[in-house]
Amino acid sequence: MSDTLAETQAWLHGAFPLVAEMGLELLELAPGHAVTRTPLARNRNVHGTAFAGSLSAQAMLTGWIVLVRDLDEARLDAVLVQREATVRYHAPITGDPVCRCTLPAERLAAFRAALLEHGRARLDADVEILDATNAAALLTAGYSARMRQPD
């Protein structure tokens, strides 16, 4: 993964063809934090609101970005996957969906420590799904990591 927002976004679009099709834009990227946006026009349902499948994919990826970026910065060669997710929708999204995930440094440090000690680790993360600045849904995702085995 790269250092700048634009480089990371370009990497995501190349690594995940669906991300490019969704028009996902990386708005903020900092240690323990990521914010993404997708255009409603490319991710709407038959009712003209945001499609739940697109919302969950965007939210899952937003949390994944935070964790994979943290592992990359720590120079840990690990495979990171999502093992489960639950989305609670509170209101329809009628504008461009924004997803935000922030994880405290202590939780990320504990995740890395468990990974180093056991070769695998788990972490649950909440990702807010916003309609502009109003909370519309919450994704709770479980991520798992395991260290890659040397060849």
C-alpha atoms as a PDB file:
ATOM      1  CA  MET A   1       0.000   0.000   0.000  1.00  0.00           C
ATOM      2  CA  SER A   2       1.212   3.533  -0.531  1.00  0.00           C
ATOM      3  CA  ASP A   3       1.596   6.660   1.516  1.00  0.00           C
ATOM      4  CA  THR A   4      -0.691   9.235  -0.069  1.00  0.00           C
ATOM      5  CA  LEU A   5      -4.456   9.317  -0.341  1.00  0.00           C
ATOM      6  CA  ALA A   6      -4.333   9.320  -4.141  1.00  0.00           C
ATOM      7  CA  GLU A   7      -1.826   6.443  -4.288  1.00  0.00           C
ATOM      8  CA  THR A   8      -3.829   4.365  -1.826  1.00  0.00           C
ATOM      9  CA  GLN A   9      -7.058   5.032  -3.719  1.00  0.00           C
ATOM     10  CA  ALA A  10      -5.393   4.055  -7.022  1.00  0.00           C
ATOM     11  CA  TRP A  11      -4.082   0.865  -5.390  1.00  0.00           C
ATOM     12  CA  LEU A  12      -7.587   0.018  -4.094  1.00  0.00           C
ATOM     13  CA  HIS A  13      -9.145   0.567  -7.523  1.00  0.00           C
ATOM     14  CA  GLY A  14      -6.562  -1.733  -9.095  1.00  0.00           C
ATOM     15  CA  ALA A  15      -6.726  -4.419  -6.406  1.00  0.00           C
ATOM     16  CA  PHE A  16     -10.533  -4.521  -6.205  1.00  0.00           C
ATOM     17  CA  PRO A  17     -12.317  -3.961  -9.557  1.00  0.00           C
ATOM     18  CA  LEU A  18     -15.636  -3.522  -7.721  1.00  0.00           C
ATOM     19  CA  VAL A  19     -14.201  -0.557  -5.800  1.00  0.00           C
ATOM     20  CA  ALA A  20     -13.504   1.277  -9.047  1.00  0.00           C
ATOM     21  CA  GLU A  21     -16.995   0.448 -10.377  1.00  0.00           C
ATOM     22  CA  MET A  22     -18.553   1.790  -7.178  1.00  0.00           C
ATOM     23  CA  GLY A  23     -16.572   5.020  -7.600  1.00  0.00           C
ATOM     24  CA  LEU A  24     -15.191   4.753  -4.078  1.00  0.00           C
ATOM     25  CA  GLU A  25     -13.190   7.818  -3.073  1.00  0.00           C
ATOM     26  CA  LEU A  26     -10.837   7.840  -0.112  1.00  0.00           C
ATOM     27  CA  LEU A  27     -11.436  11.168   1.670  1.00  0.00           C
ATOM     28  CA  GLU A  28      -9.297  10.782   4.794  1.00  0.00           C
ATOM     29  CA  LEU A  29      -6.533   8.404   5.776  1.00  0.00           C
ATOM     30  CA  ALA A  30      -4.560   8.660   8.999  1.00  0.00           C
ATOM     31  CA  PRO A  31      -3.287   6.152  11.561  1.00  0.00           C
ATOM     32  CA  GLY A  32      -6.352   4.350  12.900  1.00  0.00           C
ATOM     33  CA  HIS A  33      -8.746   6.335  10.710  1.00  0.00           C
ATOM     34  CA  ALA A  34     -10.307   6.234   7.239  1.00  0.00           C
ATOM     35  CA  VAL A  35     -13.237   7.966   5.556  1.00  0.00           C
ATOM     36  CA  THR A  36     -14.669   6.946   2.183  1.00  0.00           C
ATOM     37  CA  ARG A  37     -17.431   8.223  -0.096  1.00  0.00           C
ATOM     38  CA  THR A  38     -19.248   6.739  -3.066  1.00  0.00           C
ATOM     39  CA  PRO A  39     -21.541   8.521  -5.502  1.00  0.00           C
ATOM     40  CA  LEU A  40     -25.199   7.705  -4.972  1.00  0.00           C
ATOM     41  CA  ALA A  41     -25.718   7.725  -8.744  1.00  0.00           C
ATOM     42  CA  ARG A  42     -23.538   4.594  -9.092  1.00  0.00           C
ATOM     43  CA  ASN A  43     -24.816   2.833  -5.954  1.00  0.00           C
ATOM     44  CA  ARG A  44     -28.567   3.412  -5.804  1.00  0.00           C
ATOM     45  CA  ASN A  45     -31.432   0.966  -5.591  1.00  0.00           C
ATOM     46  CA  VAL A  46     -34.828   0.981  -7.340  1.00  0.00           C
ATOM     47  CA  HIS A  47     -36.123   3.478  -4.739  1.00  0.00           C
ATOM     48  CA  GLY A  48     -33.440   6.063  -5.517  1.00  0.00           C
ATOM     49  CA  THR A  49     -31.710   5.587  -2.162  1.00  0.00           C
ATOM     50  CA  ALA A  50     -28.349   3.946  -1.472  1.00  0.00           C
ATOM     51  CA  PHE A  51     -28.266   0.220  -2.248  1.00  0.00           C
ATOM     52  CA  ALA A  52     -27.702  -1.797   0.948  1.00  0.00           C
ATOM     53  CA  GLY A  53     -25.203  -4.113  -0.762  1.00  0.00           C
ATOM     54  CA  SER A  54     -23.070  -1.174  -1.872  1.00  0.00           C
ATOM     55  CA  LEU A  55     -23.287   0.391   1.578  1.00  0.00           C
ATOM     56  CA  SER A  56     -22.134  -2.761   3.314  1.00  0.00           C
ATOM     57  CA  ALA A  57     -19.285  -3.271   0.818  1.00  0.00           C
ATOM     58  CA  GLN A  58     -18.154   0.341   1.263  1.00  0.00           C
ATOM     59  CA  ALA A  59     -18.313   0.094   5.062  1.00  0.00           C
ATOM     60  CA  MET A  60     -16.503  -3.270   5.168  1.00  0.00           C
ATOM     61  CA  LEU A  61     -13.736  -1.894   2.983  1.00  0.00           C
ATOM     62  CA  THR A  62     -13.424   1.276   5.083  1.00  0.00           C
ATOM     63  CA  GLY A  63     -12.708  -0.788   8.199  1.00  0.00           C
ATOM     64  CA  TRP A  64     -10.394  -3.096   6.243  1.00  0.00           C
ATOM     65  CA  ILE A  65      -8.402  -0.085   4.998  1.00  0.00           C
ATOM     66  CA  VAL A  66      -7.762   1.076   8.576  1.00  0.00           C
ATOM     67  CA  LEU A  67      -6.454  -2.334   9.608  1.00  0.00           C
ATOM     68  CA  VAL A  68      -4.450  -3.201   6.503  1.00  0.00           C
ATOM     69  CA  ARG A  69      -2.843   0.236   6.602  1.00  0.00           C
ATOM     70  CA  ASP A  70      -1.902  -0.285  10.263  1.00  0.00           C
ATOM     71  CA  LEU A  71      -0.374  -3.706   9.519  1.00  0.00           C
ATOM     72  CA  ASP A  72       1.489  -2.250   6.556  1.00  0.00           C
ATOM     73  CA  GLU A  73       2.920   0.620   8.624  1.00  0.00           C
ATOM     74  CA  ALA A  74       4.029  -1.896  11.277  1.00  0.00           C
ATOM     75  CA  ARG A  75       5.670  -3.943   8.487  1.00  0.00           C
ATOM     76  CA  LEU A  76       3.704  -7.053   9.440  1.00  0.00           C
ATOM     77  CA  ASP A  77       3.270  -9.490   6.561  1.00  0.00           C
ATOM     78  CA  ALA A  78      -0.211 -10.731   7.335  1.00  0.00           C
ATOM     79  CA  VAL A  79      -3.368 -11.757   5.503  1.00  0.00           C
ATOM     80  CA  LEU A  80      -6.369  -9.725   6.647  1.00  0.00           C
ATOM     81  CA  VAL A  81      -9.923 -10.901   5.989  1.00  0.00           C
ATOM     82  CA  GLN A  82     -13.359 -10.062   7.228  1.00  0.00           C
ATOM     83  CA  ARG A  83     -14.982 -12.946   9.068  1.00  0.00           C
ATOM     84  CA  GLU A  84     -18.423 -11.479   9.775  1.00  0.00           C
ATOM     85  CA  ALA A  85     -20.490  -8.321   9.648  1.00  0.00           C
ATOM     86  CA  THR A  86     -23.787  -6.945  10.859  1.00  0.00           C
ATOM     87  CA  VAL A  87     -25.371  -3.781   9.524  1.00  0.00           C
ATOM     88  CA  ARG A  88     -28.077  -1.872  11.385  1.00  0.00           C
ATOM     89  CA  TYR A  89     -29.883   0.558   9.096  1.00  0.00           C
ATOM     90  CA  HIS A  90     -31.603   3.500  10.794  1.00  0.00           C
ATOM     91  CA  ALA A  91     -32.592   5.679   7.842  1.00  0.00           C
ATOM     92  CA  PRO A  92     -32.428   5.614   4.047  1.00  0.00           C
ATOM     93  CA  ILE A  93     -29.480   7.393   2.471  1.00  0.00           C
ATOM     94  CA  THR A  94     -30.516   9.875  -0.191  1.00  0.00           C
ATOM     95  CA  GLY A  95     -27.122  11.508  -0.849  1.00  0.00           C
ATOM     96  CA  ASP A  96     -23.595  10.278  -1.438  1.00  0.00           C
ATOM     97  CA  PRO A  97     -22.858   7.705   1.295  1.00  0.00           C
ATOM     98  CA  VAL A  98     -19.883   8.396   3.553  1.00  0.00           C
ATOM     99  CA  CYS A  99     -18.299   5.725   5.765  1.00  0.00           C
ATOM    100  CA  ARG A 100     -16.021   6.476   8.689  1.00  0.00           C
ATOM    101  CA  CYS A 101     -13.948   4.134  10.840  1.00  0.00           C
ATOM    102  CA  THR A 102     -11.726   5.214  13.706  1.00  0.00           C
ATOM    103  CA  LEU A 103      -9.867   2.766  15.930  1.00  0.00           C
ATOM    104  CA  PRO A 104      -7.916   3.832  19.024  1.00  0.00           C
ATOM    105  CA  ALA A 105      -4.156   3.296  18.963  1.00  0.00           C
ATOM    106  CA  GLU A 106      -4.392   1.003  22.024  1.00  0.00           C
ATOM    107  CA  ARG A 107      -6.775  -1.413  20.250  1.00  0.00           C
ATOM    108  CA  LEU A 108      -4.567  -1.489  17.168  1.00  0.00           C
ATOM    109  CA  ALA A 109      -1.472  -2.112  19.306  1.00  0.00           C
ATOM    110  CA  ALA A 110      -3.211  -5.008  21.098  1.00  0.00           C
ATOM    111  CA  PHE A 111      -4.253  -6.446  17.718  1.00  0.00           C
ATOM    112  CA  ARG A 112      -0.659  -6.305  16.432  1.00  0.00           C
ATOM    113  CA  ALA A 113       0.702  -7.771  19.686  1.00  0.00           C
ATOM    114  CA  ALA A 114      -1.699 -10.727  19.499  1.00  0.00           C
ATOM    115  CA  LEU A 115      -0.757 -11.260  15.862  1.00  0.00           C
ATOM    116  CA  LEU A 116       2.945 -11.320  16.707  1.00  0.00           C
ATOM    117  CA  GLU A 117       2.484 -13.573  19.735  1.00  0.00           C
ATOM    118  CA  HIS A 118       0.019 -16.089  18.274  1.00  0.00           C
ATOM    119  CA  GLY A 119       0.458 -15.710  14.535  1.00  0.00           C
ATOM    120  CA  ARG A 120      -3.190 -14.673  14.279  1.00  0.00           C
ATOM    121  CA  ALA A 121      -5.510 -12.083  15.773  1.00  0.00           C
ATOM    122  CA  ARG A 122      -9.077 -10.821  15.663  1.00  0.00           C
ATOM    123  CA  LEU A 123     -10.529  -7.362  15.990  1.00  0.00           C
ATOM    124  CA  ASP A 124     -14.072  -6.040  15.791  1.00  0.00           C
ATOM    125  CA  ALA A 125     -14.624  -2.576  14.379  1.00  0.00           C
ATOM    126  CA  ASP A 126     -17.588  -0.248  14.028  1.00  0.00           C
ATOM    127  CA  VAL A 127     -17.977   1.708  10.816  1.00  0.00           C
ATOM    128  CA  GLU A 128     -20.424   4.598  10.709  1.00  0.00           C
ATOM    129  CA  ILE A 129     -22.456   4.949   7.529  1.00  0.00           C
ATOM    130  CA  LEU A 130     -23.514   8.539   7.016  1.00  0.00           C
ATOM    131  CA  ASP A 131     -25.895  10.437   4.758  1.00  0.00           C
ATOM    132  CA  ALA A 132     -23.850  13.640   4.497  1.00  0.00           C
ATOM    133  CA  THR A 133     -23.138  14.117   8.217  1.00  0.00           C
ATOM    134  CA  ASN A 134     -26.175  12.292   9.650  1.00  0.00           C
ATOM    135  CA  ALA A 135     -25.773   8.728  10.923  1.00  0.00           C
ATOM    136  CA  ALA A 136     -27.908   6.393   8.821  1.00  0.00           C
ATOM    137  CA  ALA A 137     -26.451   2.962   9.630  1.00  0.00           C
ATOM    138  CA  LEU A 138     -23.729   1.173  11.566  1.00  0.00           C
ATOM    139  CA  LEU A 139     -21.678  -1.784  10.382  1.00  0.00           C
ATOM    140  CA  THR A 140     -20.006  -3.922  13.026  1.00  0.00           C
ATOM    141  CA  ALA A 141     -17.391  -6.080  11.349  1.00  0.00           C
ATOM    142  CA  GLY A 142     -15.113  -8.793  12.636  1.00  0.00           C
ATOM    143  CA  TYR A 143     -11.701  -8.931  10.995  1.00  0.00           C
ATOM    144  CA  SER A 144      -9.140 -11.721  11.291  1.00  0.00           C
ATOM    145  CA  ALA A 145      -5.451 -11.623  10.475  1.00  0.00           C
ATOM    146  CA  ARG A 146      -2.833 -14.320  10.252  1.00  0.00           C
ATOM    147  CA  MET A 147       0.848 -14.015   9.600  1.00  0.00           C
ATOM    148  CA  ARG A 148       1.982 -15.263   6.205  1.00  0.00           C
ATOM    149  CA  GLN A 149       4.120 -18.367   6.316  1.00  0.00           C
ATOM    150  CA  PRO A 150       7.556 -18.073   4.737  1.00  0.00           C
ATOM    151  CA  ASP A 151       7.934 -20.003   1.493  1.00  0.00           C
END
